[in-house]
Amino acid sequence: MFDFIMQQVLGMQWLNEYVWLLLKEMFKASPDSQIWSSIHFFLYDTIKISILLIVLIFMITYIQSYFPPEKTKRILTGYNKLSGAILAALLGTVTPFCSCSSIPIFIGFTRAGMPLGTTFSFLISSPMVDVASMLMLMSFFGSKFAVAYVILGLVLAVVGGLFINFLHMEKYLKQYDNPIREFYSESEYFNQPQRLNYAYNDTRIIVRNVFPYVLAGVAIGSVLHNWIPQEWILNTLGSKSYFGVLIATLIGVPIYADIFGTLPIAEALYLAGVPVGTILALMMSVTTLSLPSLIMLSEVLQKRLLFTFIGIVVAGIVLIGYVFNVIW
């Protein structure tokens, strides 16, 4: 039953076969053709990710309706630094937003006077790890990779937050007085029809914002999978490259996408034989350190705190990537 769920429900192997059958029937497509293989990759991954995206985001936004920012602040208030960082990282898993969408909540937390490290644990965890991403990762790479990604992401969020607390850098916060979206702060008191409507509205908004990046990611993945020589990819990011993890991490920084947009690229690299730790580093970097999110953070963090945050996250991602490559 577990194999059936992984392969047919989450993995959608039936869809993979159906797309090939459709291409063969309509266009006499051949699996040996690079062009048709690219078209199949693009169609299959786009349809698969779209289905999973809509279903999983709806489920997670429904759950997230029980944890609006004000309630989250109340939950996190009163905990010590360690338990607060752990709880903030876990609460980040029920916010299915990209890094830029997590920042308004982060700003709200800092305005409320919450410990700085706790807010950073949330800021790292929220775009990087959530239930939807774990299920999506299972559909592409299997349960072991998905669970490892989530656990390591949470560990990075907790350790990063604790380190920020240790440095006592509260004085490097800027005053931010512009209005921010509160993400339905009243949702804590919704009845069931209101929660379903909340989930529908936020799913529509998130999917609309994310879908262009999904298409871009699938397009890049189809090119990597069928047109870029595998030897070149492996020489740059493969196990024989001492700097593969570091290169993957730095490549991910300027890219603005969430985990749904990075999945097709990660899948293509995985099929090319790139080590999983290197793939994991790329995904973590893209989701947590995108350039637009860093620009937004510069509005509320002074340079010293901003670069400290970047340094902690980059060092953590690189370390995780190398360790994962050794033990996997």
Foldseek 3Di string as FASTA:
>chain_A
DVVCCLCCVLQVVVLLVVLVVVCCVPPVDDCVDLVVVLVSLLVSLLVNLLVLLLVVLLVLLLVCLQPFLVNVLVVLPPDDLQVLLLSLLVNLQSQAAFLQLLVLSLLVNVVVVDQQLSSQLSSQNNQQHYPSLLSNCCNQPNNVLSVLLRVLSNVLSSVLSVVLNVVPPNVQWDDDDDDDDRLPNVSNPDDPVVSSVSSVVVSVVRCVVASVLLSVLSSLLSCLQRPDDLVVLCCQQNPVDPCNLVVLLVVQQQAAHTLNSNVSNLSSSVVSHGQSLSSSNNRSNNRNRHPVSLVVVVVTGPPVVSVSSVVSSSVSSSVSSVVSSVPD
